Amino acid sequence: MQENDAKPKTIAEKLSTLLRFPTVEVSLVIGNDPSPVSEMEGPAFSRVRQAVERVWPGALTLPALMEDATDACHYSAFIVPGA
């Protein structure tokens, strides 16, 4: 999947192409671009890893995919330079 494939406008256009019902119209009412991918080796993930290690020694800290509309796009600028 290319980065632009996850943008709301691209998804709406793809749905319009795939749906072949003349009575169905696809339109984008509102949508946000996905948040940037978080780095596992950066300082932000390192802080999470250290906090987990203090509470649960020996536990593995792994990234997770959250499939919800969250406010993450507002916080990424604090962690990802240039976001």
N, C-alpha and C. Protein backbone atom coordinates (compact mmCIF):
# COMPACT_ATOMS: atom_id res chain seq x y z
N MET A 1 0.85 -1.18 0.00
CA MET A 1 0.00 0.00 0.00
C MET A 1 0.89 1.24 0.00
N GLN A 2 0.62 2.15 -0.87
CA GLN A 2 1.34 3.40 -0.94
C GLN A 2 0.78 4.38 0.10
N GLU A 3 1.59 5.37 0.48
CA GLU A 3 1.18 6.34 1.50
C GLU A 3 -0.11 7.06 1.11
N ASN A 4 -0.24 7.45 -0.15
CA ASN A 4 -1.44 8.17 -0.60
C ASN A 4 -2.69 7.30 -0.64
N ASP A 5 -2.52 5.97 -0.63
CA ASP A 5 -3.67 5.07 -0.69
C ASP A 5 -4.56 5.17 0.54
N ALA A 6 -4.03 5.64 1.66
CA ALA A 6 -4.79 5.70 2.91
C ALA A 6 -5.45 7.06 3.12
N LYS A 7 -5.28 7.97 2.21
CA LYS A 7 -5.89 9.29 2.36
C LYS A 7 -7.38 9.20 2.07
N PRO A 8 -8.20 9.90 2.86
CA PRO A 8 -9.66 9.81 2.70
C PRO A 8 -10.16 10.05 1.28
N LYS A 9 -9.61 11.05 0.59
CA LYS A 9 -10.06 11.35 -0.77
C LYS A 9 -9.77 10.17 -1.71
N THR A 10 -8.59 9.58 -1.56
CA THR A 10 -8.22 8.43 -2.39
C THR A 10 -9.14 7.24 -2.13
N ILE A 11 -9.47 7.01 -0.86
CA ILE A 11 -10.37 5.91 -0.51
C ILE A 11 -11.75 6.14 -1.09
N ALA A 12 -12.27 7.36 -0.98
CA ALA A 12 -13.59 7.67 -1.55
C ALA A 12 -13.60 7.47 -3.06
N GLU A 13 -12.54 7.89 -3.73
CA GLU A 13 -12.46 7.71 -5.18
C GLU A 13 -12.40 6.22 -5.54
N LYS A 14 -11.64 5.45 -4.78
CA LYS A 14 -11.54 4.02 -5.04
C LYS A 14 -12.89 3.33 -4.83
N LEU A 15 -13.61 3.70 -3.78
CA LEU A 15 -14.94 3.13 -3.55
C LEU A 15 -15.88 3.46 -4.69
N SER A 16 -15.81 4.69 -5.18
CA SER A 16 -16.67 5.08 -6.30
C SER A 16 -16.39 4.22 -7.52
N THR A 17 -15.13 3.87 -7.72
CA THR A 17 -14.75 3.04 -8.85
C THR A 17 -15.21 1.60 -8.67
N LEU A 18 -15.10 1.09 -7.45
CA LEU A 18 -15.44 -0.31 -7.19
C LEU A 18 -16.94 -0.56 -7.13
N LEU A 19 -17.70 0.39 -6.60
CA LEU A 19 -19.16 0.22 -6.50
C LEU A 19 -19.79 0.45 -7.86
N ARG A 20 -20.53 -0.50 -8.31
CA ARG A 20 -21.13 -0.38 -9.66
C ARG A 20 -22.65 -0.35 -9.58
N PHE A 21 -23.13 0.35 -8.57
CA PHE A 21 -24.57 0.51 -8.43
C PHE A 21 -24.92 1.94 -8.82
N PRO A 22 -25.73 2.16 -9.84
CA PRO A 22 -26.03 3.52 -10.27
C PRO A 22 -26.77 4.34 -9.21
N THR A 23 -27.40 3.67 -8.25
CA THR A 23 -28.14 4.41 -7.22
C THR A 23 -27.29 4.75 -6.01
N VAL A 24 -26.03 4.31 -6.00
CA VAL A 24 -25.14 4.58 -4.87
C VAL A 24 -24.14 5.67 -5.25
N GLU A 25 -24.08 6.68 -4.43
CA GLU A 25 -23.13 7.77 -4.64
C GLU A 25 -22.20 7.84 -3.44
N VAL A 26 -20.92 7.88 -3.70
CA VAL A 26 -19.92 7.98 -2.64
C VAL A 26 -19.41 9.41 -2.61
N SER A 27 -19.46 10.02 -1.43
CA SER A 27 -18.90 11.36 -1.29
C SER A 27 -18.21 11.46 0.07
N LEU A 28 -17.13 12.18 0.09
CA LEU A 28 -16.37 12.39 1.31
C LEU A 28 -16.95 13.60 2.03
N VAL A 29 -17.47 13.38 3.21
CA VAL A 29 -18.04 14.47 4.00
C VAL A 29 -16.95 15.13 4.83
N ILE A 30 -16.18 14.32 5.51
CA ILE A 30 -15.06 14.81 6.32
C ILE A 30 -14.05 13.68 6.45
N GLY A 31 -12.82 14.01 6.58
CA GLY A 31 -11.80 12.98 6.75
C GLY A 31 -10.44 13.60 7.00
N ASN A 32 -9.66 12.94 7.81
CA ASN A 32 -8.31 13.39 8.12
C ASN A 32 -7.32 12.40 7.53
N ASP A 33 -6.19 12.90 7.10
CA ASP A 33 -5.13 12.02 6.65
C ASP A 33 -4.64 11.20 7.84
N PRO A 34 -4.15 10.00 7.61
CA PRO A 34 -3.66 9.18 8.72
C PRO A 34 -2.45 9.83 9.38
N SER A 35 -2.28 9.54 10.66
CA SER A 35 -1.11 10.03 11.39
C SER A 35 0.14 9.36 10.82
N PRO A 36 1.28 10.02 10.95
CA PRO A 36 2.51 9.39 10.44
C PRO A 36 2.83 8.13 11.24
N VAL A 37 3.60 7.25 10.63
CA VAL A 37 4.02 6.02 11.29
C VAL A 37 4.97 6.38 12.42
N SER A 38 4.74 5.79 13.58
CA SER A 38 5.60 6.04 14.73
C SER A 38 6.88 5.23 14.62
N GLU A 39 7.98 5.82 15.02
CA GLU A 39 9.26 5.15 14.99
C GLU A 39 9.44 4.31 16.26
N MET A 40 9.90 3.08 16.11
CA MET A 40 10.14 2.22 17.26
C MET A 40 11.49 2.49 17.90
N GLU A 41 12.36 3.17 17.22
CA GLU A 41 13.70 3.41 17.74
C GLU A 41 13.88 4.85 18.22
N GLY A 42 12.87 5.66 18.13
CA GLY A 42 12.99 7.07 18.51
C GLY A 42 12.83 7.29 20.00
N PRO A 43 13.01 8.53 20.43
CA PRO A 43 12.93 8.86 21.86
C PRO A 43 11.54 8.65 22.46
N ALA A 44 10.49 8.86 21.68
CA ALA A 44 9.13 8.71 22.23
C ALA A 44 8.85 7.24 22.57
N PHE A 45 9.17 6.33 21.65
CA PHE A 45 8.93 4.91 21.92
C PHE A 45 9.85 4.42 23.03
N SER A 46 11.05 4.95 23.10
CA SER A 46 11.98 4.59 24.16
C SER A 46 11.40 4.94 25.53
N ARG A 47 10.75 6.10 25.63
CA ARG A 47 10.12 6.49 26.91
C ARG A 47 9.00 5.52 27.29
N VAL A 48 8.21 5.12 26.31
CA VAL A 48 7.14 4.16 26.58
C VAL A 48 7.75 2.84 27.03
N ARG A 49 8.77 2.38 26.32
CA ARG A 49 9.44 1.11 26.66
C ARG A 49 10.00 1.15 28.09
N GLN A 50 10.63 2.26 28.47
CA GLN A 50 11.19 2.39 29.82
C GLN A 50 10.08 2.37 30.88
N ALA A 51 8.97 3.04 30.62
CA ALA A 51 7.86 3.06 31.58
C ALA A 51 7.27 1.66 31.75
N VAL A 52 7.10 0.93 30.66
CA VAL A 52 6.58 -0.44 30.73
C VAL A 52 7.54 -1.32 31.51
N GLU A 53 8.81 -1.18 31.26
CA GLU A 53 9.83 -1.99 31.95
C GLU A 53 9.81 -1.74 33.46
N ARG A 54 9.56 -0.50 33.88
CA ARG A 54 9.49 -0.20 35.32
C ARG A 54 8.29 -0.88 35.97
N VAL A 55 7.17 -0.93 35.28
CA VAL A 55 5.95 -1.50 35.85
C VAL A 55 5.93 -3.03 35.70
N TRP A 56 6.32 -3.52 34.53
CA TRP A 56 6.31 -4.96 34.25
C TRP A 56 7.70 -5.38 33.76
N PRO A 57 8.65 -5.60 34.69
CA PRO A 57 10.01 -5.98 34.29
C PRO A 57 10.00 -7.22 33.38
N GLY A 58 10.74 -7.12 32.29
CA GLY A 58 10.84 -8.23 31.36
C GLY A 58 9.77 -8.25 30.28
N ALA A 59 8.78 -7.37 30.39
CA ALA A 59 7.70 -7.35 29.38
C ALA A 59 8.23 -6.76 28.07
N LEU A 60 7.73 -7.29 26.97
CA LEU A 60 8.08 -6.74 25.66
C LEU A 60 7.15 -5.57 25.34
N THR A 61 7.70 -4.54 24.76
CA THR A 61 6.90 -3.40 24.33
C THR A 61 6.86 -3.42 22.81
N LEU A 62 5.67 -3.58 22.27
CA LEU A 62 5.49 -3.67 20.83
C LEU A 62 4.52 -2.61 20.35
N PRO A 63 4.70 -2.15 19.12
CA PRO A 63 3.74 -1.18 18.57
C PRO A 63 2.40 -1.87 18.29
N ALA A 64 1.36 -1.09 18.26
CA ALA A 64 0.03 -1.62 17.97
C ALA A 64 -0.66 -0.70 16.98
N LEU A 65 -1.56 -1.26 16.21
CA LEU A 65 -2.35 -0.49 15.26
C LEU A 65 -3.70 -0.22 15.89
N MET A 66 -4.08 1.04 15.96
CA MET A 66 -5.37 1.41 16.53
C MET A 66 -6.26 1.87 15.39
N GLU A 67 -7.31 1.14 15.15
CA GLU A 67 -8.19 1.43 14.02
C GLU A 67 -9.39 2.26 14.46
N ASP A 68 -9.13 3.41 14.98
CA ASP A 68 -10.18 4.32 15.43
C ASP A 68 -9.85 5.72 14.95
N ALA A 69 -10.85 6.56 14.98
CA ALA A 69 -10.61 7.97 14.70
C ALA A 69 -10.18 8.59 16.02
N THR A 70 -8.89 8.83 16.15
CA THR A 70 -8.37 9.36 17.41
C THR A 70 -7.81 10.76 17.18
N ASP A 71 -7.34 11.34 18.25
CA ASP A 71 -6.73 12.66 18.18
C ASP A 71 -5.22 12.57 17.94
N ALA A 72 -4.72 11.39 17.55
CA ALA A 72 -3.29 11.20 17.37
C ALA A 72 -2.69 12.20 16.38
N CYS A 73 -3.47 12.60 15.40
CA CYS A 73 -2.94 13.54 14.41
C CYS A 73 -2.56 14.88 15.05
N HIS A 74 -3.18 15.22 16.17
CA HIS A 74 -2.89 16.47 16.85
C HIS A 74 -1.63 16.38 17.70
N TYR A 75 -1.26 15.17 18.13
CA TYR A 75 -0.12 14.98 19.00
C TYR A 75 1.16 14.64 18.27
N SER A 76 1.06 14.17 17.05
CA SER A 76 2.25 13.72 16.33
C SER A 76 3.25 14.85 16.11
N ALA A 77 2.80 16.07 16.03
CA ALA A 77 3.72 17.19 15.83
C ALA A 77 4.66 17.36 17.02
N PHE A 78 4.26 16.87 18.19
CA PHE A 78 5.12 16.98 19.37
C PHE A 78 6.21 15.92 19.37
N ILE A 79 6.01 14.85 18.60
CA ILE A 79 6.93 13.72 18.60
C ILE A 79 7.69 13.61 17.28
N VAL A 80 7.01 13.78 16.16
CA VAL A 80 7.60 13.59 14.85
C VAL A 80 8.06 14.94 14.30
N PRO A 81 9.38 15.14 14.18
CA PRO A 81 9.84 16.42 13.63
C PRO A 81 9.27 16.68 12.23
N GLY A 82 8.76 17.86 12.03
CA GLY A 82 8.24 18.24 10.74
C GLY A 82 6.84 17.77 10.44
N ALA A 83 6.20 17.10 11.40
CA ALA A 83 4.82 16.61 11.15
C ALA A 83 3.83 17.73 11.28
